[in-house]
Protein backbone atom coordinates (compact mmCIF):
# COMPACT_ATOMS: atom_id res chain seq x y z
CA UNK A 1 -61.99 -65.60 114.44
CA UNK A 2 -63.60 -63.79 111.51
CA UNK A 3 -65.92 -65.68 109.14
CA UNK A 4 -65.21 -65.81 105.43
CA UNK A 5 -68.53 -63.90 104.75
CA UNK A 6 -67.17 -61.00 106.70
CA UNK A 7 -64.08 -60.64 104.90
CA UNK A 8 -65.96 -60.80 101.54
CA UNK A 9 -67.86 -58.05 102.65
CA UNK A 10 -65.07 -56.17 103.88
CA UNK A 11 -63.09 -56.51 100.46
CA UNK A 12 -66.40 -54.70 98.77
CA UNK A 13 -66.03 -51.58 100.37
CA UNK A 14 -65.63 -49.22 97.23
CA UNK A 15 -65.55 -45.81 98.67
CA UNK A 16 -67.21 -42.50 97.36
CA UNK A 17 -63.60 -41.12 96.12
CA UNK A 18 -63.08 -44.67 94.23
CA UNK A 19 -66.64 -44.45 92.59
CA UNK A 20 -65.72 -40.64 91.46
CA UNK A 21 -62.42 -41.78 89.86
CA UNK A 22 -64.09 -44.67 88.32
CA UNK A 23 -67.21 -42.71 86.97
CA UNK A 24 -64.54 -39.73 85.83
CA UNK A 25 -63.02 -42.42 83.56
CA UNK A 26 -66.29 -43.16 81.97
CA UNK A 27 -67.37 -39.71 81.59
CA UNK A 28 -64.08 -38.87 79.85
CA UNK A 29 -64.48 -41.65 77.46
CA UNK A 30 -68.09 -40.33 76.52
CA UNK A 31 -66.71 -36.75 76.21
CA UNK A 32 -64.22 -38.07 73.62
CA UNK A 33 -66.84 -39.99 71.65
CA UNK A 34 -69.07 -36.59 71.71
CA UNK A 35 -65.99 -34.40 70.38
CA UNK A 36 -65.35 -36.67 67.52
CA UNK A 37 -69.05 -37.45 66.66
CA UNK A 38 -70.47 -34.05 67.02
CA UNK A 39 -67.74 -31.37 67.14
CA UNK A 40 -65.07 -32.95 64.94
CA UNK A 41 -67.96 -34.57 62.79
CA UNK A 42 -67.11 -38.06 61.47
CA UNK A 43 -69.38 -38.10 58.45
CA UNK A 44 -67.46 -40.16 55.91
CA UNK A 45 -66.69 -43.92 55.78
CA UNK A 46 -63.13 -43.68 55.61
CA UNK A 47 -63.07 -41.22 58.81
CA UNK A 48 -65.31 -43.41 60.50
CA UNK A 49 -63.51 -46.88 59.76
CA UNK A 50 -59.93 -45.81 59.22
CA UNK A 51 -59.44 -42.24 60.32
CA UNK A 52 -58.98 -40.78 56.84
CA UNK A 53 -55.53 -42.93 56.70
CA UNK A 54 -53.89 -40.10 58.23
CA UNK A 55 -53.54 -41.16 61.69
CA UNK A 56 -50.30 -40.78 63.71
CA UNK A 57 -48.00 -43.60 64.86
CA UNK A 58 -47.88 -43.17 68.53
CA UNK A 59 -51.73 -42.93 68.93
CA UNK A 60 -51.85 -45.91 66.70
CA UNK A 61 -49.37 -47.96 68.68
CA UNK A 62 -50.86 -46.79 71.77
CA UNK A 63 -54.42 -48.07 70.67
CA UNK A 64 -53.02 -51.53 69.44
CA UNK A 65 -51.59 -52.28 72.84
CA UNK A 66 -54.75 -51.21 74.58
CA UNK A 67 -56.83 -53.20 72.17
CA UNK A 68 -54.84 -56.19 72.48
CA UNK A 69 -54.29 -56.05 76.25
CA UNK A 70 -57.70 -56.31 77.42
CA UNK A 71 -58.97 -57.18 81.03
CA UNK A 72 -58.33 -60.71 80.12
CA UNK A 73 -54.71 -60.10 80.37
CA UNK A 74 -54.55 -57.66 83.15
CA UNK A 75 -56.44 -60.06 85.47
CA UNK A 76 -55.71 -63.33 83.56
CA UNK A 77 -51.83 -63.00 83.43
CA UNK A 78 -51.26 -62.28 87.36
CA UNK A 79 -53.60 -65.31 87.95
CA UNK A 80 -51.45 -67.60 85.54
CA UNK A 81 -48.29 -66.57 87.25
CA UNK A 82 -49.68 -67.07 90.80
CA UNK A 83 -51.01 -70.59 90.24
CA UNK A 84 -48.40 -71.73 87.50
CA UNK A 85 -45.51 -69.69 87.67
CA UNK A 86 -43.32 -67.66 85.29
CA UNK A 87 -43.18 -70.05 82.40
CA UNK A 88 -45.71 -68.37 80.17
CA UNK A 89 -43.22 -65.21 80.03
CA UNK A 90 -41.26 -67.32 77.66
CA UNK A 91 -44.08 -66.53 75.32
CA UNK A 92 -42.14 -63.14 74.73
CA UNK A 93 -39.67 -64.93 72.58
CA UNK A 94 -42.76 -65.84 70.14
CA UNK A 95 -43.74 -61.95 70.31
CA UNK A 96 -40.48 -60.90 69.28
CA UNK A 97 -40.27 -63.38 66.29
CA UNK A 98 -44.01 -62.30 65.42
CA UNK A 99 -42.72 -58.46 65.11
CA UNK A 100 -40.10 -59.57 62.29
CA UNK A 101 -42.20 -62.07 60.36
CA UNK A 102 -45.45 -59.74 60.41
CA UNK A 103 -43.36 -56.40 59.61
CA UNK A 104 -41.34 -58.31 56.89
CA UNK A 105 -43.80 -60.85 55.24
CA UNK A 106 -47.38 -59.59 55.87
CA UNK A 107 -47.82 -56.00 56.52
CA UNK A 108 -46.08 -54.86 53.13
CA UNK A 109 -49.16 -56.56 51.29
CA UNK A 110 -51.87 -55.02 53.28
CA UNK A 111 -50.22 -51.61 53.46
CA UNK A 112 -49.84 -51.59 49.74
CA UNK A 113 -53.62 -52.18 49.03
CA UNK A 114 -56.10 -49.60 49.60
CA UNK A 115 -58.54 -51.75 51.31
CA UNK A 116 -60.82 -51.17 54.58
CA UNK A 117 -61.69 -54.69 55.29
CA UNK A 118 -59.00 -57.20 55.55
CA UNK A 119 -60.90 -59.78 53.96
CA UNK A 120 -61.04 -57.90 50.58
CA UNK A 121 -57.54 -59.01 50.11
CA UNK A 122 -59.18 -62.64 50.12
CA UNK A 123 -61.45 -61.86 47.20
CA UNK A 124 -58.38 -60.13 45.27
CA UNK A 125 -56.28 -63.13 45.67
CA UNK A 126 -58.71 -65.63 45.44
CA UNK A 127 -62.45 -65.29 45.05
CA UNK A 128 -65.57 -63.77 46.76
CA UNK A 129 -66.06 -67.34 48.49
CA UNK A 130 -62.90 -66.78 50.44
CA UNK A 131 -63.76 -63.15 51.36
CA UNK A 132 -67.13 -64.55 52.80
CA UNK A 133 -65.46 -67.20 54.54
CA UNK A 134 -62.79 -64.81 56.31
CA UNK A 135 -65.68 -62.63 57.11
CA UNK A 136 -67.81 -65.08 58.31
CA UNK A 137 -64.84 -66.76 60.55
CA UNK A 138 -63.88 -62.96 62.00
CA UNK A 139 -67.60 -62.35 63.15
CA UNK A 140 -67.79 -65.85 64.98
CA UNK A 141 -64.52 -65.15 66.62
CA UNK A 142 -65.58 -61.63 67.63
CA UNK A 143 -68.89 -63.03 68.86
CA UNK A 144 -67.12 -65.66 70.91
CA UNK A 145 -64.25 -63.36 72.26
CA UNK A 146 -66.32 -60.31 73.24
CA UNK A 147 -68.35 -61.53 75.87
CA UNK A 148 -65.16 -62.78 77.94
CA UNK A 149 -63.96 -59.26 77.35
CA UNK A 150 -66.97 -57.94 78.80
CA UNK A 151 -67.29 -60.62 81.76
CA UNK A 152 -63.68 -60.11 83.06
CA UNK A 153 -64.10 -56.41 84.08
CA UNK A 154 -67.63 -57.10 85.38
CA UNK A 155 -65.99 -59.89 87.77
CA UNK A 156 -63.13 -57.14 89.04
CA UNK A 157 -65.97 -54.63 89.97
CA UNK A 158 -68.19 -57.15 91.49
CA UNK A 159 -65.36 -58.35 93.65
CA UNK A 160 -64.64 -54.67 95.10
CA UNK A 161 -68.19 -53.53 94.95
CA UNK A 162 -70.53 -56.60 95.23
CA UNK A 163 -72.67 -55.24 92.21
CA UNK A 164 -74.14 -57.93 90.17
CA UNK A 165 -71.75 -59.03 87.33
CA UNK A 166 -74.58 -58.46 84.46
CA UNK A 167 -75.57 -55.03 85.53
CA UNK A 168 -71.69 -54.21 85.24
CA UNK A 169 -71.79 -55.74 81.92
CA UNK A 170 -74.73 -53.56 80.70
CA UNK A 171 -73.09 -50.34 81.93
CA UNK A 172 -69.83 -51.09 80.40
CA UNK A 173 -71.29 -52.12 76.79
CA UNK A 174 -73.47 -48.97 76.85
CA UNK A 175 -70.75 -46.44 77.46
CA UNK A 176 -68.69 -48.26 74.96
CA UNK A 177 -71.63 -48.70 72.38
CA UNK A 178 -72.12 -44.63 72.73
CA UNK A 179 -68.60 -43.15 72.16
CA UNK A 180 -67.90 -45.93 69.31
CA UNK A 181 -71.05 -45.35 67.80
CA UNK A 182 -70.85 -41.49 67.42
CA UNK A 183 -67.33 -41.10 67.22
CA UNK A 184 -65.68 -43.69 64.68
CA UNK A 185 -62.23 -45.03 64.76
CA UNK A 186 -60.77 -41.54 66.03
CA UNK A 187 -62.60 -41.64 69.21
CA UNK A 188 -62.01 -45.39 69.64
CA UNK A 189 -58.24 -44.72 68.91
CA UNK A 190 -58.02 -41.56 71.57
CA UNK A 191 -59.95 -43.16 74.04
CA UNK A 192 -57.52 -46.06 73.72
CA UNK A 193 -54.64 -43.82 74.35
CA UNK A 194 -56.11 -42.39 77.69
CA UNK A 195 -56.94 -45.95 78.58
CA UNK A 196 -53.58 -47.73 78.15
CA UNK A 197 -52.29 -44.92 80.16
CA UNK A 198 -54.44 -45.78 82.94
CA UNK A 199 -53.51 -49.35 82.50
CA UNK A 200 -49.79 -48.75 83.07
CA UNK A 201 -50.66 -46.56 85.96
CA UNK A 202 -52.91 -48.91 87.66
CA UNK A 203 -50.64 -51.84 87.38
CA UNK A 204 -47.45 -49.69 88.38
CA UNK A 205 -49.24 -48.23 91.40
CA UNK A 206 -50.24 -51.87 92.51
CA UNK A 207 -46.79 -53.01 92.03
CA UNK A 208 -45.41 -50.25 94.12
CA UNK A 209 -47.68 -50.30 96.99
CA UNK A 210 -48.14 -54.04 97.04
CA UNK A 211 -44.24 -54.43 97.35
CA UNK A 212 -44.25 -52.03 100.23
CA UNK A 213 -46.97 -53.87 101.76
CA UNK A 214 -44.78 -57.14 101.77
CA UNK A 215 -41.74 -55.32 102.90
CA UNK A 216 -39.66 -54.96 99.94
CA UNK A 217 -38.99 -56.82 96.52
CA UNK A 218 -36.62 -59.40 98.15
CA UNK A 219 -39.71 -60.93 100.04
CA UNK A 220 -41.38 -61.46 96.74
CA UNK A 221 -38.22 -62.85 94.98
CA UNK A 222 -37.77 -65.19 97.98
CA UNK A 223 -41.48 -66.51 98.07
CA UNK A 224 -41.35 -67.22 94.30
CA UNK A 225 -37.95 -68.89 94.22
CA UNK A 226 -38.98 -71.05 97.39
CA UNK A 227 -42.26 -72.46 95.40
CA UNK A 228 -40.23 -72.77 92.03
CA UNK A 229 -42.52 -69.81 90.42
CA UNK A 230 -39.57 -68.36 88.89
CA UNK A 231 -38.66 -70.90 86.33
CA UNK A 232 -36.10 -71.83 83.73
CA UNK A 233 -37.39 -72.82 80.20
CA UNK A 234 -38.86 -76.12 79.76
CA UNK A 235 -37.04 -77.56 76.58
CA UNK A 236 -39.41 -80.84 76.69
CA UNK A 237 -40.96 -81.37 73.33
CA UNK A 238 -44.00 -83.37 74.80
CA UNK A 239 -46.98 -81.48 73.30
CA UNK A 240 -49.05 -81.98 76.36
CA UNK A 241 -46.99 -79.92 78.55
CA UNK A 242 -48.92 -76.73 79.34
CA UNK A 243 -46.30 -74.22 78.83
CA UNK A 244 -43.05 -75.19 77.34
CA UNK A 245 -40.43 -73.16 75.59
CA UNK A 246 -41.40 -74.80 72.14
CA UNK A 247 -45.00 -74.00 72.55
CA UNK A 248 -44.68 -70.75 73.75
CA UNK A 249 -41.95 -69.59 71.13
CA UNK A 250 -43.31 -71.63 68.01
CA UNK A 251 -47.13 -71.34 69.11
CA UNK A 252 -46.81 -68.10 70.41
CA UNK A 253 -45.12 -67.05 67.06
CA UNK A 254 -48.36 -68.31 65.22
CA UNK A 255 -50.72 -66.80 67.81
CA UNK A 256 -49.26 -63.37 67.65
CA UNK A 257 -48.91 -63.25 63.78
CA UNK A 258 -52.58 -64.58 63.63
CA UNK A 259 -53.51 -61.80 65.90
CA UNK A 260 -51.94 -59.05 63.59
CA UNK A 261 -52.04 -60.59 60.38
CA UNK A 262 -55.49 -61.87 59.93
CA UNK A 263 -57.66 -59.96 62.46
CA UNK A 264 -59.48 -56.83 61.22
CA UNK A 265 -59.11 -55.67 64.89
CA UNK A 266 -55.58 -54.83 64.33
CA UNK A 267 -55.12 -54.62 60.62
CA UNK A 268 -57.57 -51.64 60.41
CA UNK A 269 -55.31 -49.83 62.93
CA UNK A 270 -52.26 -50.19 60.60
CA UNK A 271 -54.50 -48.99 57.49
CA UNK A 272 -55.21 -45.74 59.14
CA UNK A 273 -51.40 -45.11 59.08
CA UNK A 274 -50.22 -43.47 55.71
CA UNK A 275 -47.15 -45.74 54.74
CA UNK A 276 -45.55 -48.71 55.48
CA UNK A 277 -42.70 -47.08 57.30
CA UNK A 278 -45.10 -45.69 59.95
CA UNK A 279 -46.84 -49.13 60.13
CA UNK A 280 -43.79 -50.82 61.03
CA UNK A 281 -42.89 -48.11 63.63
CA UNK A 282 -46.28 -49.03 65.40
CA UNK A 283 -45.43 -52.55 65.34
CA UNK A 284 -42.20 -52.18 67.34
CA UNK A 285 -44.02 -49.73 69.76
CA UNK A 286 -46.75 -52.07 70.18
CA UNK A 287 -44.46 -54.78 70.81
CA UNK A 288 -42.26 -53.13 73.46
CA UNK A 289 -45.30 -51.98 75.16
CA UNK A 290 -46.96 -55.24 75.47
CA UNK A 291 -43.91 -56.86 76.60
CA UNK A 292 -43.41 -54.30 79.43
CA UNK A 293 -47.02 -54.71 80.48
CA UNK A 294 -46.76 -58.33 80.52
CA UNK A 295 -43.94 -58.23 82.76
CA UNK A 296 -45.49 -55.95 85.05
CA UNK A 297 -48.63 -58.26 85.22
CA UNK A 298 -46.20 -61.02 86.14
CA UNK A 299 -44.71 -59.22 88.67
CA UNK A 300 -47.98 -58.40 90.46
CA UNK A 301 -48.80 -62.33 90.03
CA UNK A 302 -45.61 -63.01 92.13
CA UNK A 303 -46.67 -60.24 94.45
CA UNK A 304 -50.03 -61.50 95.26
CA UNK A 305 -48.33 -64.94 96.04
CA UNK A 306 -46.10 -63.26 98.55
CA UNK A 307 -49.16 -61.85 100.17
CA UNK A 308 -51.32 -64.81 100.19
CA UNK A 309 -48.73 -67.67 100.48
CA UNK A 310 -49.94 -68.78 103.86
CA UNK A 311 -53.46 -68.76 103.22
CA UNK A 312 -54.88 -69.06 99.53
CA UNK A 313 -57.76 -67.13 98.59
CA UNK A 314 -58.87 -69.46 95.82
CA UNK A 315 -58.80 -72.52 98.14
CA UNK A 316 -60.85 -70.57 100.91
CA UNK A 317 -63.41 -69.00 98.06
CA UNK A 318 -62.12 -65.63 99.39
CA UNK A 319 -61.89 -64.99 95.74
CA UNK A 320 -64.96 -66.81 94.20
CA UNK A 321 -63.28 -67.04 90.78
CA UNK A 322 -59.49 -67.13 89.80
CA UNK A 323 -59.82 -63.87 87.81
CA UNK A 324 -60.87 -61.96 91.15
CA UNK A 325 -57.78 -62.58 92.67
CA UNK A 326 -55.98 -59.22 91.59
CA UNK A 327 -58.88 -57.29 92.65
CA UNK A 328 -59.08 -58.93 96.10
CA UNK A 329 -55.33 -57.94 96.29
CA UNK A 330 -56.10 -54.34 95.22
CA UNK A 331 -58.61 -53.79 97.92
CA UNK A 332 -56.25 -55.61 100.53
CA UNK A 333 -53.50 -53.29 99.54
CA UNK A 334 -55.06 -50.24 98.24
CA UNK A 335 -58.40 -50.26 100.12
CA UNK A 336 -57.05 -47.94 102.76
CA UNK A 337 -56.04 -44.84 100.10
CA UNK A 338 -58.95 -43.16 99.00
CA UNK A 339 -59.34 -43.44 95.15
CA UNK A 340 -56.62 -45.85 94.35
CA UNK A 341 -58.72 -48.75 94.10
CA UNK A 342 -61.21 -46.81 91.98
CA UNK A 343 -58.16 -46.10 89.74
CA UNK A 344 -57.29 -49.73 89.34
CA UNK A 345 -60.75 -50.81 88.57
CA UNK A 346 -60.93 -47.85 85.87
CA UNK A 347 -57.71 -49.30 84.63
CA UNK A 348 -59.28 -52.74 84.15
CA UNK A 349 -62.45 -51.47 82.69
CA UNK A 350 -60.30 -49.22 80.42
CA UNK A 351 -58.63 -52.36 78.95
CA UNK A 352 -61.93 -53.91 78.37
CA UNK A 353 -63.20 -50.61 76.82
CA UNK A 354 -60.36 -50.37 74.35
CA UNK A 355 -60.82 -54.07 73.35
CA UNK A 356 -64.61 -54.08 73.23
CA UNK A 357 -64.69 -50.78 71.03
CA UNK A 358 -62.02 -52.03 68.61
CA UNK A 359 -63.91 -55.11 67.92
CA UNK A 360 -67.36 -53.32 67.46
CA UNK A 361 -65.55 -50.63 65.23
CA UNK A 362 -64.16 -53.53 63.18
CA UNK A 363 -67.44 -55.50 63.01
CA UNK A 364 -69.15 -52.72 61.38
CA UNK A 365 -66.17 -52.26 58.84
CA UNK A 366 -66.43 -56.27 58.04
CA UNK A 367 -70.25 -56.27 57.79
CA UNK A 368 -70.55 -53.25 55.83
CA UNK A 369 -67.63 -53.91 53.27
CA UNK A 370 -67.94 -57.69 53.35
CA UNK A 371 -71.89 -58.56 53.91
CA UNK A 372 -73.55 -55.62 52.53
CA UNK A 373 -71.64 -53.93 49.74
CA UNK A 374 -70.92 -57.00 47.75
CA UNK A 375 -74.40 -58.20 47.71
CA UNK A 376 -75.87 -54.61 47.12
CA UNK A 377 -77.46 -54.00 43.69
CA UNK A 378 -76.50 -50.34 43.68
CA UNK A 379 -74.18 -48.11 45.60
CA UNK A 380 -75.30 -47.66 49.18
CA UNK A 381 -76.21 -43.98 50.23
CA UNK A 382 -74.31 -42.18 52.95
CA UNK A 383 -77.02 -42.42 55.02
CA UNK A 384 -77.52 -46.06 54.51
CA UNK A 385 -73.87 -46.48 55.14
CA UNK A 386 -73.75 -44.62 58.51
CA UNK A 387 -76.99 -46.53 59.64
CA UNK A 388 -75.54 -49.99 59.13
CA UNK A 389 -71.96 -49.24 60.63
CA UNK A 390 -73.95 -47.79 63.89
CA UNK A 391 -76.45 -50.48 63.99
CA UNK A 392 -73.77 -53.24 63.99
CA UNK A 393 -72.08 -51.67 66.76
CA UNK A 394 -75.40 -51.47 68.99
CA UNK A 395 -76.42 -55.08 67.89
CA UNK A 396 -73.47 -56.83 68.54
CA UNK A 397 -73.03 -55.06 72.13
CA UNK A 398 -76.51 -56.21 72.96
CA UNK A 399 -75.96 -59.89 71.59
CA UNK A 400 -72.60 -60.11 73.47
CA UNK A 401 -73.89 -59.12 77.06
CA UNK A 402 -76.50 -61.92 76.80
CA UNK A 403 -73.61 -64.40 75.81
CA UNK A 404 -71.94 -63.31 79.24
CA UNK A 405 -74.33 -66.02 80.71
CA UNK A 406 -72.58 -68.66 78.96
CA UNK A 407 -69.01 -67.18 79.71
CA UNK A 408 -69.68 -67.51 83.40
CA UNK A 409 -69.70 -71.31 83.38
CA UNK A 410 -66.37 -71.53 81.75
CA UNK A 411 -62.77 -71.70 83.05
CA UNK A 412 -59.66 -69.35 83.54
CA UNK A 413 -60.34 -66.70 80.91
CA UNK A 414 -56.62 -66.58 79.26
CA UNK A 415 -56.65 -70.25 78.47
CA UNK A 416 -60.19 -70.41 77.46
CA UNK A 417 -59.71 -66.99 75.29
CA UNK A 418 -56.76 -68.61 73.26
CA UNK A 419 -58.38 -71.74 72.84
CA UNK A 420 -61.65 -70.47 71.42
CA UNK A 421 -60.10 -67.94 69.03
CA UNK A 422 -57.80 -70.93 67.57
CA UNK A 423 -60.93 -72.22 66.10
CA UNK A 424 -61.31 -69.81 63.48
CA UNK A 425 -57.79 -67.46 63.55
CA UNK A 426 -55.68 -70.64 62.96
CA UNK A 427 -57.30 -71.40 59.70
CA UNK A 428 -57.74 -67.96 58.79
CA UNK A 429 -54.23 -67.29 59.37
CA UNK A 430 -53.24 -70.22 57.32
CA UNK A 431 -55.23 -69.05 54.44
CA UNK A 432 -53.58 -65.64 54.69
CA UNK A 433 -50.31 -67.34 54.53
CA UNK A 434 -51.36 -69.23 51.42
CA UNK A 435 -52.36 -66.09 49.56
CA UNK A 436 -49.12 -64.29 50.57
CA UNK A 437 -46.57 -67.17 50.35
CA UNK A 438 -48.11 -69.75 48.06
CA UNK A 439 -49.17 -68.14 44.97
CA UNK A 440 -49.47 -71.62 43.35
CA UNK A 441 -52.31 -72.58 45.31
CA UNK A 442 -55.97 -71.44 44.13
CA UNK A 443 -59.21 -70.41 45.82
CA UNK A 444 -61.03 -73.73 45.84
CA UNK A 445 -57.90 -75.49 47.54
CA UNK A 446 -57.65 -72.74 49.98
CA UNK A 447 -61.35 -72.81 50.93
CA UNK A 448 -61.29 -76.72 51.69
CA UNK A 449 -58.04 -76.22 53.36
CA UNK A 450 -59.80 -73.65 55.66
CA UNK A 451 -63.00 -75.51 56.24
CA UNK A 452 -60.97 -78.60 57.16
CA UNK A 453 -58.92 -76.40 59.88
CA UNK A 454 -61.76 -75.18 61.40
CA UNK A 455 -63.63 -78.57 61.74
CA UNK A 456 -60.53 -79.99 63.13
CA UNK A 457 -59.87 -77.19 65.77
CA UNK A 458 -63.45 -76.98 66.77
CA UNK A 459 -63.22 -80.68 67.40
CA UNK A 460 -60.11 -80.44 69.51
CA UNK A 461 -60.63 -77.14 71.20
CA UNK A 462 -64.35 -77.62 72.16
CA UNK A 463 -63.59 -81.28 73.49
CA UNK A 464 -60.91 -79.89 75.45
CA UNK A 465 -62.67 -76.95 77.02
CA UNK A 466 -65.71 -79.69 77.98
CA UNK A 467 -63.07 -82.00 79.69
CA UNK A 468 -62.02 -79.07 81.44
CA UNK A 469 -65.21 -77.56 82.41
CA UNK A 470 -66.66 -81.07 83.55
CA UNK A 471 -63.35 -81.69 85.88
CA UNK A 472 -62.20 -84.50 83.51
CA UNK A 473 -59.03 -82.74 82.53
CA UNK A 474 -57.10 -80.51 85.31
CA UNK A 475 -53.98 -78.76 85.08
CA UNK A 476 -51.75 -78.77 87.91
CA UNK A 477 -50.81 -75.39 89.84
CA UNK A 478 -47.90 -74.59 91.94
CA UNK A 479 -47.90 -75.37 95.74
CA UNK A 480 -50.61 -73.46 97.74
CA UNK A 481 -51.01 -73.50 101.38
CA UNK A 482 -53.93 -72.66 104.02
CA UNK A 483 -52.06 -73.25 107.09
CA UNK A 484 -51.94 -69.30 107.84
CA UNK A 485 -55.35 -68.51 107.63
CA UNK A 486 -57.10 -66.59 110.43
CA UNK A 487 -60.94 -66.86 109.27
CA UNK A 488 -63.31 -69.52 109.18
CA UNK A 489 -63.94 -71.32 105.66
CA UNK A 490 -65.05 -74.60 104.30
CA UNK A 491 -62.10 -76.72 102.58
CA UNK A 492 -63.24 -78.49 99.54
CA UNK A 493 -60.41 -77.97 97.25
CA UNK A 494 -57.63 -80.36 95.91
CA UNK A 495 -54.23 -78.83 95.19
CA UNK A 496 -52.16 -79.96 92.31
CA UNK A 497 -48.59 -79.26 92.10
CA UNK A 498 -46.73 -80.65 89.02
CA UNK A 499 -46.58 -79.16 85.40
CA UNK A 500 -48.12 -82.31 83.51
CA UNK A 501 -51.83 -82.25 82.78
CA UNK A 502 -54.04 -84.64 84.92
CA UNK A 503 -57.04 -86.86 83.27
CA UNK A 504 -59.22 -88.12 85.39
CA UNK A 505 -60.97 -90.46 82.96
CA UNK A 506 -58.68 -92.80 80.99
CA UNK A 507 -60.80 -92.45 77.82
CA UNK A 508 -59.72 -88.77 77.32
CA UNK A 509 -58.10 -88.47 73.64
CA UNK A 510 -54.21 -87.45 73.84
CA UNK A 511 -55.46 -84.61 71.19
CA UNK A 512 -57.48 -83.18 73.94
CA UNK A 513 -54.60 -82.80 76.36
CA UNK A 514 -52.31 -80.97 73.71
CA UNK A 515 -51.40 -77.48 75.06
CA UNK A 516 -53.77 -74.92 73.93
CA UNK A 517 -50.65 -72.60 72.83
CA UNK A 518 -50.32 -75.06 69.91
CA UNK A 519 -53.80 -74.60 68.78
CA UNK A 520 -53.38 -71.76 66.52
CA UNK A 521 -50.27 -73.70 64.76
CA UNK A 522 -52.25 -76.70 64.30
CA UNK A 523 -55.21 -74.91 62.70
CA UNK A 524 -52.83 -73.12 60.35
CA UNK A 525 -50.64 -75.63 59.51
CA UNK A 526 -53.54 -78.34 58.94
CA UNK A 527 -55.19 -75.68 56.53
CA UNK A 528 -52.14 -75.26 54.48
CA UNK A 529 -51.23 -78.89 54.21
CA UNK A 530 -54.84 -79.94 53.24
CA UNK A 531 -54.68 -76.99 50.82
CA UNK A 532 -51.36 -78.10 49.26
CA UNK A 533 -52.58 -81.83 48.74
CA UNK A 534 -55.93 -81.02 47.23
CA UNK A 535 -54.08 -78.32 44.85
CA UNK A 536 -51.74 -81.20 43.94
CA UNK A 537 -54.77 -83.42 43.16
CA UNK A 538 -56.75 -80.96 41.44
CA UNK A 539 -54.38 -78.60 39.90
CA UNK A 540 -53.59 -74.96 40.98
CA UNK A 541 -52.57 -71.41 39.73
CA UNK A 542 -49.86 -70.42 37.50
CA UNK A 543 -47.96 -68.56 40.15
CA UNK A 544 -46.63 -66.00 37.41
CA UNK A 545 -50.18 -64.82 36.66
CA UNK A 546 -50.68 -63.71 40.34
CA UNK A 547 -50.46 -60.00 40.90
CA UNK A 548 -47.10 -58.91 42.61
CA UNK A 549 -48.97 -56.78 45.03
CA UNK A 550 -50.81 -59.74 46.47
CA UNK A 551 -47.64 -61.73 47.59
CA UNK A 552 -45.03 -61.34 50.17
CA UNK A 553 -42.11 -58.96 48.83
CA UNK A 554 -39.71 -61.78 50.34
CA UNK A 555 -40.75 -64.15 47.37
CA UNK A 556 -41.82 -61.53 44.64
CA UNK A 557 -38.28 -61.90 42.97
CA UNK A 558 -38.86 -65.67 42.66
CA UNK A 559 -41.91 -65.16 40.31
CA UNK A 560 -42.24 -63.31 37.14
CA UNK A 561 -45.59 -61.82 38.09
CA UNK A 562 -47.70 -59.94 35.65
CA UNK A 563 -47.73 -55.91 35.96
CA UNK A 564 -51.20 -55.22 36.35
CA UNK A 565 -52.02 -54.28 39.76
CA UNK A 566 -54.78 -55.02 41.96
CA UNK A 567 -55.68 -51.34 42.33
CA UNK A 568 -55.90 -51.24 38.64
CA UNK A 569 -58.33 -54.00 38.29
CA UNK A 570 -60.39 -52.56 40.97
CA UNK A 571 -60.59 -49.14 39.17
CA UNK A 572 -61.57 -51.21 35.90
CA UNK A 573 -64.23 -52.96 37.80
CA UNK A 574 -65.64 -49.82 39.22
CA UNK A 575 -65.85 -48.24 36.06
CA UNK A 576 -67.42 -51.25 34.57
CA UNK A 577 -70.05 -51.39 37.50
CA UNK A 578 -71.14 -47.68 36.82
CA UNK A 579 -71.28 -47.89 32.99
CA UNK A 580 -73.83 -50.94 33.88
CA UNK A 581 -75.82 -49.08 36.36
């Protein structure tokens, strides 16, 4: 009988054709960066950050898909379905609600303002304090998020090649920093287009070959039904249920609106399009692509279970981490065909590169527009602007490589990512919602509400993650089996088989057991409620004096707003500053 070590070594046979396919993808990304950086030179700030605001709908929509669907989703969602079933897929209802809400309520406001940083809106609507608050929250979120983005594809590469995770991380960041630095947004968008095509191709390839491997889709369906992995919606209102229909639809709505409405990463894409009509088209193409990709990932999760139903590789430690399941499955099913494993890993790296480049490009925009320009005594020169934008890309990339060491110690990346993001993004969504829908609330009230929201969500999220990491709080999985294993291993795992969370310590606070899908909702609502209460106590704005361009079209008719627009005010402000200088 084979040993576990022999099987691990066999799963790491990445062939020469695989390496060639993988390296070709990286080289192609570098060429795109060279093209936009040196041949079609990107010299101006507008070209570098928002593509001159004349980008096309389809490339931007594909870039949105690639930016959002990182390696976290490509590897995390199949693992989620393998371990917990298809309940998570009901988040699609939240995604569809987001498309309607975002394109109707939030997007018209941003598209109507000639801004580069999303957080410029907060200064126009409130004051500079809120702009700085938003920029700081965005920076914190990105610094926490990017190491996870880097870590996940490094896990996949480690599973199939045995190359150290930290060497993979450095390689990924160096390539990404190069083409993002030299090519700006246009390089990022067009590499995203190539990368999203690779993502879809890799997932479809795995699904087709894996289905043949288990003798047809009926076997996949049968295995899933026998273990209740295909589930009807859970309509129980208990907030501690990890995935119920309510937390997935309502919590999912808030999470996805936050992702699109309060994140520079996504808004910067929409602002590169010339009109609201094109931006709305991009929203619906983005949503359609994300739903298709999620369904593909979910099917691959069921396919993995059909393949390993009699010998769970997580229990035997054939897969050292949960998010190495899909790479292991790929090597077992595609490893015999030269180049195909390389194509899959290239797809995973493509997803990571697209998310990483998007965040780095957005970070350069935020640092320049929100941290440098407002505090500069005189207008920055073109040389200084270019130096700042590119230095941010390099510096943040290097920092995130170092933080990969921390991410290694955490749990499943899909839940971890959404939990950490909610600390800053929930309160940020609350502040943007206040600005766009509640013109009676002033800057001081919004700032206090935002600070309260961050403190509350930090307390809940970090304590919950600590309870999970320490083993005090566990979430149950679907049934697993090791009865059919034909290799030797040490069995030390305990399998849990129900939907409710298990706390091994009776003193765990109920708040820490709340589903992570409610986190963004809690952060946003707590921010809005506290701001509203402070506003009632201290007094707020006259809503009729708030500029019409700063509030959503859905409520403009309820207020007789003043005629002067934000653009006119900014023009007057610029003229005044120039006269002063």
